Amino acid sequence: MLQLPLPNHIDEKKVVDMIEPSKDIDCLTYKSVGKLYLGEETFLPCTPNSVITLLKSKNIDLEGKRVTILGRSNIVGKPLLQLFLKENATVTICHSKTKNLKEVCKEADILVVAIGKPKFITSEYIKEGAIVIDVGTSSFEGKITGDVDFNDVSKKASFITPVPGGVGALTTTLLINNVCEAIIKDEN
C-alpha cells in the first residue's frame, strides 16, 4: 500500500507505476483508474468509496441528487465524481477557481468537502436540509478538524459527518476489506 502524498523529492508517478494493478487496493495505478472511469471491475478508492458507502448506509437515494464536490484531487474529488455518476447523481466539481462558490454549494442536495482548509465551509454555503460530508482533515488550534464548521453547519444540514469520527474510520475499514479481497483473489 502506498500512502500519498509522497515527499516532494520522490517521483509519485514512478512509484505508483510500480504497483501491480491486481494489488492496487486504493485504485492509484493508471490501469485501475482507467477501469474506474470505464466502469469496469477494480478495487474502489477507499476514501471516495467510504462517502458512497456511508450515504447508502443511511438509505439515501443518490439517483438524481444534485451533488457538489469541493476539491478536484486525484485521491478524493475526481474518483468520487465517477462513483456518484455510477449512482446516477448529477455532479458538480468545484475548486479554487470556481466563481460564485457559495451559490454553487447552496444548490447541492449533497455537499462533499475535501479542500484542506479547516472550517472553511459555514452555514452560508449550505442549502437548508442538505447533506454534508466532510472529508477534510487538518490541524487547527492543536486539534484535528475538518473543512466544515461542524457546529455552524449542523444547524442547517439534515445530516453531517464530524471530523474526526466521520468517513475516516470507514475508509480504514474499506481499505482492510480491499486487502482481504486482494488476498483471496491472489490465492485463487
N, C-alpha and C. Protein backbone atom coordinates (compact mmCIF):
# COMPACT_ATOMS: atom_id res chain seq x y z
N MET A 1 0.84 -1.18 0.00
CA MET A 1 0.00 0.00 0.00
C MET A 1 0.88 1.24 0.00
N LEU A 2 0.48 2.21 -0.75
CA LEU A 2 1.21 3.45 -0.86
C LEU A 2 0.39 4.56 -0.23
N GLN A 3 0.99 5.29 0.69
CA GLN A 3 0.30 6.40 1.34
C GLN A 3 0.72 7.70 0.66
N LEU A 4 -0.24 8.39 0.06
CA LEU A 4 0.03 9.66 -0.61
C LEU A 4 -0.45 10.81 0.24
N PRO A 5 0.11 11.99 0.10
CA PRO A 5 1.17 12.35 -0.86
C PRO A 5 2.54 11.91 -0.36
N LEU A 6 3.45 11.77 -1.32
CA LEU A 6 4.83 11.41 -1.02
C LEU A 6 5.64 12.69 -0.83
N PRO A 7 6.80 12.58 -0.18
CA PRO A 7 7.67 13.77 -0.08
C PRO A 7 8.02 14.29 -1.48
N ASN A 8 8.25 15.58 -1.58
CA ASN A 8 8.48 16.24 -2.87
C ASN A 8 9.62 15.64 -3.68
N HIS A 9 10.64 15.11 -3.03
CA HIS A 9 11.81 14.61 -3.76
C HIS A 9 11.58 13.22 -4.38
N ILE A 10 10.43 12.62 -4.13
CA ILE A 10 10.12 11.30 -4.69
C ILE A 10 9.12 11.46 -5.83
N ASP A 11 9.42 10.84 -6.96
CA ASP A 11 8.56 10.90 -8.14
C ASP A 11 7.33 10.01 -7.93
N GLU A 12 6.21 10.63 -7.58
CA GLU A 12 4.99 9.90 -7.25
C GLU A 12 4.52 9.01 -8.40
N LYS A 13 4.53 9.52 -9.62
CA LYS A 13 4.07 8.74 -10.76
C LYS A 13 4.91 7.48 -10.96
N LYS A 14 6.22 7.62 -10.77
CA LYS A 14 7.12 6.48 -10.94
C LYS A 14 6.84 5.41 -9.88
N VAL A 15 6.61 5.83 -8.66
CA VAL A 15 6.34 4.89 -7.57
C VAL A 15 4.98 4.21 -7.78
N VAL A 16 3.96 4.99 -8.12
CA VAL A 16 2.63 4.43 -8.36
C VAL A 16 2.69 3.40 -9.49
N ASP A 17 3.46 3.70 -10.53
CA ASP A 17 3.57 2.81 -11.68
C ASP A 17 4.18 1.46 -11.31
N MET A 18 4.85 1.38 -10.18
CA MET A 18 5.48 0.13 -9.75
C MET A 18 4.46 -0.82 -9.08
N ILE A 19 3.29 -0.32 -8.75
CA ILE A 19 2.27 -1.16 -8.08
C ILE A 19 1.65 -2.10 -9.10
N GLU A 20 1.60 -3.37 -8.75
CA GLU A 20 0.92 -4.35 -9.59
C GLU A 20 -0.59 -4.06 -9.52
N PRO A 21 -1.26 -3.80 -10.65
CA PRO A 21 -2.68 -3.45 -10.62
C PRO A 21 -3.57 -4.43 -9.86
N SER A 22 -3.22 -5.72 -9.86
CA SER A 22 -4.03 -6.69 -9.11
C SER A 22 -3.90 -6.50 -7.60
N LYS A 23 -2.91 -5.72 -7.17
CA LYS A 23 -2.68 -5.44 -5.75
C LYS A 23 -2.91 -3.97 -5.42
N ASP A 24 -3.49 -3.25 -6.36
CA ASP A 24 -3.71 -1.81 -6.20
C ASP A 24 -5.00 -1.59 -5.40
N ILE A 25 -4.91 -1.75 -4.09
CA ILE A 25 -6.09 -1.75 -3.22
C ILE A 25 -6.70 -0.38 -3.00
N ASP A 26 -6.05 0.68 -3.48
CA ASP A 26 -6.63 2.02 -3.32
C ASP A 26 -6.79 2.74 -4.66
N CYS A 27 -6.76 1.98 -5.75
CA CYS A 27 -7.06 2.50 -7.09
C CYS A 27 -6.18 3.69 -7.46
N LEU A 28 -4.86 3.46 -7.49
CA LEU A 28 -3.91 4.53 -7.79
C LEU A 28 -3.26 4.41 -9.16
N THR A 29 -3.10 3.18 -9.67
CA THR A 29 -2.38 3.00 -10.94
C THR A 29 -3.24 3.48 -12.11
N TYR A 30 -2.53 3.75 -13.22
CA TYR A 30 -3.24 4.19 -14.43
C TYR A 30 -4.27 3.16 -14.87
N LYS A 31 -3.90 1.89 -14.79
CA LYS A 31 -4.81 0.82 -15.21
C LYS A 31 -6.06 0.79 -14.31
N SER A 32 -5.86 0.88 -13.01
CA SER A 32 -7.00 0.85 -12.08
C SER A 32 -7.90 2.07 -12.26
N VAL A 33 -7.28 3.24 -12.39
CA VAL A 33 -8.06 4.47 -12.58
C VAL A 33 -8.83 4.40 -13.90
N GLY A 34 -8.18 3.88 -14.94
CA GLY A 34 -8.86 3.71 -16.22
C GLY A 34 -10.07 2.80 -16.11
N LYS A 35 -9.91 1.70 -15.37
CA LYS A 35 -11.04 0.79 -15.17
C LYS A 35 -12.17 1.49 -14.40
N LEU A 36 -11.80 2.27 -13.38
CA LEU A 36 -12.80 3.00 -12.61
C LEU A 36 -13.60 3.93 -13.54
N TYR A 37 -12.90 4.67 -14.38
CA TYR A 37 -13.56 5.63 -15.27
C TYR A 37 -14.38 4.95 -16.36
N LEU A 38 -14.00 3.73 -16.72
CA LEU A 38 -14.76 2.98 -17.72
C LEU A 38 -15.88 2.15 -17.11
N GLY A 39 -15.96 2.13 -15.79
CA GLY A 39 -17.00 1.37 -15.11
C GLY A 39 -16.70 -0.11 -15.04
N GLU A 40 -15.44 -0.48 -15.22
CA GLU A 40 -15.05 -1.88 -15.13
C GLU A 40 -14.69 -2.24 -13.70
N GLU A 41 -14.64 -3.55 -13.43
CA GLU A 41 -14.34 -4.01 -12.08
C GLU A 41 -12.90 -3.69 -11.69
N THR A 42 -12.75 -3.07 -10.54
CA THR A 42 -11.44 -2.75 -9.97
C THR A 42 -11.65 -2.48 -8.48
N PHE A 43 -10.57 -2.43 -7.73
CA PHE A 43 -10.71 -2.02 -6.33
C PHE A 43 -11.12 -0.55 -6.33
N LEU A 44 -12.13 -0.25 -5.53
CA LEU A 44 -12.59 1.14 -5.45
C LEU A 44 -11.68 1.93 -4.52
N PRO A 45 -11.40 3.19 -4.85
CA PRO A 45 -10.59 4.02 -3.96
C PRO A 45 -11.31 4.19 -2.63
N CYS A 46 -10.59 3.97 -1.55
CA CYS A 46 -11.21 3.80 -0.24
C CYS A 46 -11.91 5.05 0.30
N THR A 47 -11.30 6.20 0.22
CA THR A 47 -11.95 7.40 0.76
C THR A 47 -13.21 7.75 -0.04
N PRO A 48 -13.14 7.84 -1.37
CA PRO A 48 -14.38 8.09 -2.12
C PRO A 48 -15.45 7.01 -1.88
N ASN A 49 -15.01 5.76 -1.82
CA ASN A 49 -15.97 4.68 -1.57
C ASN A 49 -16.61 4.81 -0.19
N SER A 50 -15.85 5.33 0.78
CA SER A 50 -16.43 5.49 2.12
C SER A 50 -17.56 6.52 2.09
N VAL A 51 -17.44 7.55 1.27
CA VAL A 51 -18.51 8.55 1.15
C VAL A 51 -19.78 7.88 0.63
N ILE A 52 -19.64 7.14 -0.45
CA ILE A 52 -20.81 6.47 -1.06
C ILE A 52 -21.39 5.43 -0.10
N THR A 53 -20.53 4.64 0.51
CA THR A 53 -20.96 3.60 1.45
C THR A 53 -21.71 4.21 2.63
N LEU A 54 -21.21 5.30 3.15
CA LEU A 54 -21.86 5.98 4.27
C LEU A 54 -23.25 6.47 3.88
N LEU A 55 -23.36 7.10 2.73
CA LEU A 55 -24.66 7.61 2.27
C LEU A 55 -25.65 6.46 2.06
N LYS A 56 -25.19 5.39 1.46
CA LYS A 56 -26.06 4.23 1.24
C LYS A 56 -26.48 3.60 2.56
N SER A 57 -25.58 3.59 3.55
CA SER A 57 -25.91 3.00 4.85
C SER A 57 -27.03 3.80 5.55
N LYS A 58 -27.18 5.04 5.16
CA LYS A 58 -28.24 5.89 5.70
C LYS A 58 -29.48 5.87 4.81
N ASN A 59 -29.50 4.93 3.85
CA ASN A 59 -30.62 4.77 2.90
C ASN A 59 -30.90 6.05 2.13
N ILE A 60 -29.86 6.75 1.77
CA ILE A 60 -30.01 7.97 0.97
C ILE A 60 -29.92 7.58 -0.49
N ASP A 61 -31.00 7.81 -1.22
CA ASP A 61 -31.05 7.50 -2.64
C ASP A 61 -30.27 8.58 -3.38
N LEU A 62 -29.24 8.19 -4.10
CA LEU A 62 -28.36 9.15 -4.78
C LEU A 62 -28.84 9.50 -6.18
N GLU A 63 -29.70 8.67 -6.73
CA GLU A 63 -30.16 8.90 -8.10
C GLU A 63 -30.85 10.26 -8.23
N GLY A 64 -30.36 11.05 -9.19
CA GLY A 64 -30.95 12.36 -9.46
C GLY A 64 -30.58 13.46 -8.48
N LYS A 65 -29.88 13.12 -7.41
CA LYS A 65 -29.49 14.14 -6.43
C LYS A 65 -28.45 15.07 -7.04
N ARG A 66 -28.52 16.34 -6.65
CA ARG A 66 -27.52 17.32 -7.06
C ARG A 66 -26.39 17.27 -6.03
N VAL A 67 -25.24 16.81 -6.48
CA VAL A 67 -24.08 16.63 -5.62
C VAL A 67 -23.02 17.65 -6.02
N THR A 68 -22.47 18.34 -5.04
CA THR A 68 -21.33 19.22 -5.29
C THR A 68 -20.15 18.69 -4.49
N ILE A 69 -19.03 18.52 -5.19
CA ILE A 69 -17.79 18.08 -4.57
C ILE A 69 -16.85 19.27 -4.57
N LEU A 70 -16.39 19.65 -3.39
CA LEU A 70 -15.40 20.71 -3.27
C LEU A 70 -14.03 20.05 -3.18
N GLY A 71 -13.27 20.14 -4.25
CA GLY A 71 -11.95 19.52 -4.31
C GLY A 71 -11.86 18.63 -5.52
N ARG A 72 -10.75 18.77 -6.26
CA ARG A 72 -10.57 18.01 -7.50
C ARG A 72 -9.32 17.15 -7.48
N SER A 73 -8.96 16.68 -6.30
CA SER A 73 -7.75 15.87 -6.19
C SER A 73 -7.94 14.51 -6.87
N ASN A 74 -6.80 13.90 -7.19
CA ASN A 74 -6.84 12.56 -7.77
C ASN A 74 -7.19 11.50 -6.74
N ILE A 75 -7.07 11.84 -5.46
CA ILE A 75 -7.34 10.89 -4.39
C ILE A 75 -8.81 10.88 -3.98
N VAL A 76 -9.45 12.06 -3.94
CA VAL A 76 -10.84 12.13 -3.48
C VAL A 76 -11.77 12.67 -4.57
N GLY A 77 -11.58 13.91 -4.98
CA GLY A 77 -12.54 14.58 -5.85
C GLY A 77 -12.84 13.89 -7.15
N LYS A 78 -11.81 13.61 -7.94
CA LYS A 78 -12.03 13.00 -9.26
C LYS A 78 -12.62 11.60 -9.19
N PRO A 79 -12.08 10.70 -8.34
CA PRO A 79 -12.72 9.38 -8.28
C PRO A 79 -14.12 9.41 -7.68
N LEU A 80 -14.35 10.34 -6.75
CA LEU A 80 -15.69 10.45 -6.17
C LEU A 80 -16.70 10.87 -7.22
N LEU A 81 -16.28 11.72 -8.13
CA LEU A 81 -17.14 12.11 -9.26
C LEU A 81 -17.62 10.86 -9.99
N GLN A 82 -16.69 9.94 -10.29
CA GLN A 82 -17.05 8.72 -11.00
C GLN A 82 -18.02 7.86 -10.21
N LEU A 83 -17.79 7.75 -8.91
CA LEU A 83 -18.66 6.91 -8.08
C LEU A 83 -20.07 7.49 -7.99
N PHE A 84 -20.18 8.81 -7.89
CA PHE A 84 -21.51 9.44 -7.88
C PHE A 84 -22.19 9.29 -9.24
N LEU A 85 -21.44 9.43 -10.31
CA LEU A 85 -22.04 9.25 -11.64
C LEU A 85 -22.57 7.83 -11.80
N LYS A 86 -21.84 6.86 -11.26
CA LYS A 86 -22.29 5.46 -11.32
C LYS A 86 -23.64 5.29 -10.60
N GLU A 87 -23.89 6.14 -9.62
CA GLU A 87 -25.15 6.09 -8.86
C GLU A 87 -26.22 7.00 -9.48
N ASN A 88 -25.93 7.55 -10.66
CA ASN A 88 -26.86 8.42 -11.40
C ASN A 88 -27.17 9.74 -10.72
N ALA A 89 -26.19 10.24 -9.95
CA ALA A 89 -26.32 11.58 -9.37
C ALA A 89 -25.87 12.60 -10.41
N THR A 90 -26.28 13.84 -10.23
CA THR A 90 -25.85 14.95 -11.07
C THR A 90 -24.75 15.67 -10.30
N VAL A 91 -23.54 15.69 -10.85
CA VAL A 91 -22.38 16.09 -10.07
C VAL A 91 -21.72 17.36 -10.61
N THR A 92 -21.37 18.24 -9.68
CA THR A 92 -20.58 19.43 -9.97
C THR A 92 -19.32 19.34 -9.13
N ILE A 93 -18.17 19.64 -9.76
CA ILE A 93 -16.91 19.71 -9.01
C ILE A 93 -16.48 21.16 -8.94
N CYS A 94 -16.16 21.60 -7.73
CA CYS A 94 -15.67 22.96 -7.51
C CYS A 94 -14.22 22.92 -7.06
N HIS A 95 -13.55 24.04 -7.24
CA HIS A 95 -12.14 24.14 -6.89
C HIS A 95 -11.80 25.59 -6.61
N SER A 96 -10.52 25.88 -6.44
CA SER A 96 -10.09 27.22 -6.03
C SER A 96 -10.44 28.31 -7.04
N LYS A 97 -10.70 27.95 -8.29
CA LYS A 97 -11.03 28.94 -9.33
C LYS A 97 -12.53 29.03 -9.61
N THR A 98 -13.35 28.30 -8.87
CA THR A 98 -14.79 28.32 -9.09
C THR A 98 -15.35 29.69 -8.73
N LYS A 99 -16.11 30.27 -9.64
CA LYS A 99 -16.77 31.55 -9.39
C LYS A 99 -18.07 31.30 -8.62
N ASN A 100 -18.44 32.23 -7.76
CA ASN A 100 -19.70 32.16 -7.01
C ASN A 100 -19.84 30.85 -6.22
N LEU A 101 -18.78 30.50 -5.51
CA LEU A 101 -18.74 29.22 -4.80
C LEU A 101 -19.92 29.04 -3.85
N LYS A 102 -20.25 30.06 -3.08
CA LYS A 102 -21.37 29.93 -2.14
C LYS A 102 -22.66 29.57 -2.86
N GLU A 103 -22.92 30.23 -3.97
CA GLU A 103 -24.15 29.98 -4.71
C GLU A 103 -24.18 28.56 -5.28
N VAL A 104 -23.04 28.11 -5.80
CA VAL A 104 -22.97 26.75 -6.34
C VAL A 104 -23.21 25.72 -5.24
N CYS A 105 -22.58 25.93 -4.09
CA CYS A 105 -22.75 25.00 -2.97
C CYS A 105 -24.20 24.97 -2.48
N LYS A 106 -24.85 26.12 -2.46
CA LYS A 106 -26.23 26.19 -1.97
C LYS A 106 -27.22 25.43 -2.84
N GLU A 107 -26.82 25.06 -4.05
CA GLU A 107 -27.70 24.29 -4.93
C GLU A 107 -27.62 22.79 -4.64
N ALA A 108 -26.66 22.38 -3.84
CA ALA A 108 -26.39 20.96 -3.63
C ALA A 108 -27.36 20.32 -2.64
N ASP A 109 -27.86 19.15 -3.02
CA ASP A 109 -28.58 18.30 -2.08
C ASP A 109 -27.56 17.62 -1.16
N ILE A 110 -26.40 17.29 -1.76
CA ILE A 110 -25.30 16.66 -1.04
C ILE A 110 -24.03 17.45 -1.33
N LEU A 111 -23.36 17.90 -0.28
CA LEU A 111 -22.11 18.64 -0.42
C LEU A 111 -21.00 17.82 0.21
N VAL A 112 -19.97 17.50 -0.59
CA VAL A 112 -18.82 16.76 -0.10
C VAL A 112 -17.63 17.71 -0.14
N VAL A 113 -16.95 17.86 1.00
CA VAL A 113 -15.89 18.85 1.11
C VAL A 113 -14.55 18.18 1.37
N ALA A 114 -13.60 18.43 0.47
CA ALA A 114 -12.25 17.86 0.59
C ALA A 114 -11.25 18.87 0.02
N ILE A 115 -11.10 20.00 0.70
CA ILE A 115 -10.25 21.07 0.18
C ILE A 115 -9.04 21.39 1.05
N GLY A 116 -9.00 20.85 2.26
CA GLY A 116 -7.84 21.07 3.13
C GLY A 116 -7.78 22.46 3.75
N LYS A 117 -8.93 23.06 3.96
CA LYS A 117 -9.00 24.38 4.61
C LYS A 117 -9.90 24.26 5.83
N PRO A 118 -9.32 24.23 7.02
CA PRO A 118 -10.12 23.98 8.22
C PRO A 118 -11.25 24.98 8.41
N LYS A 119 -12.43 24.41 8.69
CA LYS A 119 -13.64 25.17 9.00
C LYS A 119 -13.99 26.21 7.94
N PHE A 120 -13.62 25.94 6.69
CA PHE A 120 -13.87 26.88 5.59
C PHE A 120 -15.37 27.00 5.27
N ILE A 121 -16.06 25.87 5.28
CA ILE A 121 -17.48 25.86 4.90
C ILE A 121 -18.33 26.17 6.12
N THR A 122 -19.12 27.23 6.00
CA THR A 122 -20.05 27.65 7.05
C THR A 122 -21.48 27.46 6.55
N SER A 123 -22.44 27.76 7.39
CA SER A 123 -23.85 27.61 7.01
C SER A 123 -24.23 28.48 5.82
N GLU A 124 -23.46 29.51 5.53
CA GLU A 124 -23.74 30.37 4.37
C GLU A 124 -23.62 29.61 3.05
N TYR A 125 -22.91 28.48 3.06
CA TYR A 125 -22.69 27.69 1.85
C TYR A 125 -23.72 26.57 1.68
N ILE A 126 -24.60 26.40 2.66
CA ILE A 126 -25.44 25.21 2.73
C ILE A 126 -26.90 25.53 2.46
N LYS A 127 -27.51 24.70 1.62
CA LYS A 127 -28.95 24.76 1.42
C LYS A 127 -29.62 24.12 2.63
N GLU A 128 -30.72 24.67 3.08
CA GLU A 128 -31.46 24.11 4.21
C GLU A 128 -31.77 22.65 3.94
N GLY A 129 -31.39 21.77 4.88
CA GLY A 129 -31.68 20.35 4.77
C GLY A 129 -30.68 19.55 3.94
N ALA A 130 -29.61 20.18 3.48
CA ALA A 130 -28.62 19.47 2.67
C ALA A 130 -27.87 18.45 3.52
N ILE A 131 -27.27 17.50 2.84
CA ILE A 131 -26.41 16.50 3.45
C ILE A 131 -24.98 16.98 3.25
N VAL A 132 -24.18 16.98 4.31
CA VAL A 132 -22.81 17.49 4.24
C VAL A 132 -21.84 16.41 4.71
N ILE A 133 -20.92 16.05 3.81
CA ILE A 133 -19.91 15.05 4.11
C ILE A 133 -18.56 15.76 4.13
N ASP A 134 -17.92 15.75 5.28
CA ASP A 134 -16.64 16.41 5.46
C ASP A 134 -15.52 15.38 5.37
N VAL A 135 -14.70 15.50 4.33
CA VAL A 135 -13.60 14.57 4.12
C VAL A 135 -12.27 15.19 4.56
N GLY A 136 -12.26 16.46 4.84
CA GLY A 136 -11.03 17.16 5.18
C GLY A 136 -10.49 16.81 6.56
N THR A 137 -9.18 16.81 6.66
CA THR A 137 -8.53 16.68 7.98
C THR A 137 -7.36 17.64 8.01
N SER A 138 -7.39 18.52 8.97
CA SER A 138 -6.31 19.49 9.16
C SER A 138 -6.09 19.68 10.66
N SER A 139 -4.93 20.15 10.99
CA SER A 139 -4.68 20.52 12.37
C SER A 139 -5.10 21.98 12.53
N PHE A 140 -5.95 22.23 13.52
CA PHE A 140 -6.46 23.57 13.75
C PHE A 140 -6.52 23.79 15.26
N GLU A 141 -5.79 24.77 15.73
CA GLU A 141 -5.73 25.07 17.16
C GLU A 141 -5.39 23.82 17.98
N GLY A 142 -4.45 23.03 17.44
CA GLY A 142 -3.97 21.84 18.15
C GLY A 142 -4.87 20.62 18.08
N LYS A 143 -5.93 20.68 17.27
CA LYS A 143 -6.85 19.56 17.15
C LYS A 143 -7.06 19.22 15.68
N ILE A 144 -7.39 17.95 15.42
CA ILE A 144 -7.76 17.55 14.07
C ILE A 144 -9.17 18.05 13.81
N THR A 145 -9.34 18.73 12.70
CA THR A 145 -10.66 19.28 12.35
C THR A 145 -10.89 19.12 10.86
N GLY A 146 -12.13 19.28 10.47
CA GLY A 146 -12.49 19.14 9.07
C GLY A 146 -12.54 20.48 8.35
N ASP A 147 -12.98 20.41 7.11
CA ASP A 147 -13.11 21.60 6.26
C ASP A 147 -14.43 22.32 6.51
N VAL A 148 -15.31 21.70 7.29
CA VAL A 148 -16.64 22.25 7.57
C VAL A 148 -16.70 22.71 9.02
N ASP A 149 -17.27 23.87 9.24
CA ASP A 149 -17.51 24.35 10.60
C ASP A 149 -18.72 23.57 11.12
N PHE A 150 -18.43 22.45 11.76
CA PHE A 150 -19.46 21.49 12.16
C PHE A 150 -20.56 22.14 12.99
N ASN A 151 -20.21 22.89 14.02
CA ASN A 151 -21.22 23.47 14.91
C ASN A 151 -22.15 24.42 14.17
N ASP A 152 -21.62 25.19 13.26
CA ASP A 152 -22.44 26.14 12.50
C ASP A 152 -23.31 25.42 11.47
N VAL A 153 -22.70 24.53 10.69
CA VAL A 153 -23.40 23.87 9.59
C VAL A 153 -24.43 22.86 10.09
N SER A 154 -24.17 22.23 11.23
CA SER A 154 -25.10 21.20 11.74
C SER A 154 -26.48 21.77 12.04
N LYS A 155 -26.58 23.07 12.24
CA LYS A 155 -27.89 23.70 12.49
C LYS A 155 -28.74 23.75 11.23
N LYS A 156 -28.11 23.65 10.07
CA LYS A 156 -28.82 23.79 8.80
C LYS A 156 -28.90 22.48 8.00
N ALA A 157 -27.94 21.60 8.20
CA ALA A 157 -27.87 20.34 7.44
C ALA A 157 -28.81 19.30 8.04
N SER A 158 -29.32 18.43 7.17
CA SER A 158 -30.15 17.32 7.66
C SER A 158 -29.28 16.17 8.15
N PHE A 159 -28.06 16.10 7.64
CA PHE A 159 -27.09 15.08 8.04
C PHE A 159 -25.71 15.66 7.79
N ILE A 160 -24.79 15.44 8.73
CA ILE A 160 -23.42 15.94 8.59
C ILE A 160 -22.46 14.97 9.27
N THR A 161 -21.28 14.80 8.67
CA THR A 161 -20.28 13.93 9.28
C THR A 161 -19.29 14.78 10.06
N PRO A 162 -18.89 14.30 11.23
CA PRO A 162 -17.88 15.02 12.02
C PRO A 162 -16.46 14.64 11.59
N VAL A 163 -15.52 15.45 12.00
CA VAL A 163 -14.09 15.13 11.87
C VAL A 163 -13.45 15.47 13.19
N PRO A 164 -12.79 14.51 13.84
CA PRO A 164 -12.72 13.09 13.48
C PRO A 164 -14.03 12.38 13.78
N GLY A 165 -14.10 11.13 13.34
CA GLY A 165 -15.26 10.31 13.63
C GLY A 165 -16.23 10.14 12.48
N GLY A 166 -15.88 10.64 11.31
CA GLY A 166 -16.75 10.54 10.15
C GLY A 166 -16.29 9.48 9.17
N VAL A 167 -15.89 9.93 7.98
CA VAL A 167 -15.52 8.98 6.92
C VAL A 167 -14.18 8.30 7.17
N GLY A 168 -13.34 8.83 8.03
CA GLY A 168 -12.00 8.27 8.25
C GLY A 168 -12.00 6.82 8.71
N ALA A 169 -12.79 6.51 9.72
CA ALA A 169 -12.83 5.14 10.24
C ALA A 169 -13.38 4.17 9.18
N LEU A 170 -14.38 4.62 8.43
CA LEU A 170 -14.93 3.78 7.38
C LEU A 170 -13.92 3.58 6.25
N THR A 171 -13.15 4.61 5.95
CA THR A 171 -12.09 4.49 4.94
C THR A 171 -11.11 3.38 5.33
N THR A 172 -10.70 3.35 6.59
CA THR A 172 -9.79 2.32 7.07
C THR A 172 -10.41 0.93 6.94
N THR A 173 -11.68 0.82 7.29
CA THR A 173 -12.38 -0.45 7.19
C THR A 173 -12.45 -0.93 5.74
N LEU A 174 -12.74 -0.03 4.82
CA LEU A 174 -12.82 -0.40 3.41
C LEU A 174 -11.45 -0.77 2.85
N LEU A 175 -10.41 -0.13 3.35
CA LEU A 175 -9.06 -0.47 2.94
C LEU A 175 -8.73 -1.90 3.37
N ILE A 176 -9.06 -2.23 4.61
CA ILE A 176 -8.83 -3.60 5.10
C ILE A 176 -9.64 -4.59 4.28
N ASN A 177 -10.87 -4.23 3.93
CA ASN A 177 -11.70 -5.09 3.09
C ASN A 177 -11.03 -5.34 1.74
N ASN A 178 -10.47 -4.28 1.14
CA ASN A 178 -9.79 -4.44 -0.14
C ASN A 178 -8.55 -5.33 -0.02
N VAL A 179 -7.83 -5.21 1.09
CA VAL A 179 -6.67 -6.07 1.33
C VAL A 179 -7.12 -7.53 1.38
N CYS A 180 -8.20 -7.80 2.11
CA CYS A 180 -8.71 -9.18 2.22
C CYS A 180 -9.14 -9.70 0.85
N GLU A 181 -9.81 -8.87 0.06
CA GLU A 181 -10.22 -9.28 -1.29
C GLU A 181 -9.01 -9.57 -2.17
N ALA A 182 -7.97 -8.75 -2.05
CA ALA A 182 -6.77 -8.97 -2.84
C ALA A 182 -6.11 -10.30 -2.48
N ILE A 183 -6.09 -10.62 -1.19
CA ILE A 183 -5.51 -11.89 -0.73
C ILE A 183 -6.30 -13.07 -1.29
N ILE A 184 -7.62 -12.96 -1.21
CA ILE A 184 -8.48 -14.04 -1.72
C ILE A 184 -8.29 -14.23 -3.23
N LYS A 185 -8.25 -13.12 -3.97
CA LYS A 185 -8.03 -13.21 -5.43
C LYS A 185 -6.67 -13.79 -5.74
N ASP A 186 -5.66 -13.44 -4.96
CA ASP A 186 -4.30 -13.94 -5.18
C ASP A 186 -4.22 -15.44 -4.91
N GLU A 187 -4.97 -15.91 -3.91
CA GLU A 187 -4.95 -17.33 -3.57
C GLU A 187 -5.68 -18.17 -4.62
N ASN A 188 -6.62 -17.54 -5.30
CA ASN A 188 -7.38 -18.28 -6.33
C ASN A 188 -6.64 -18.17 -7.62
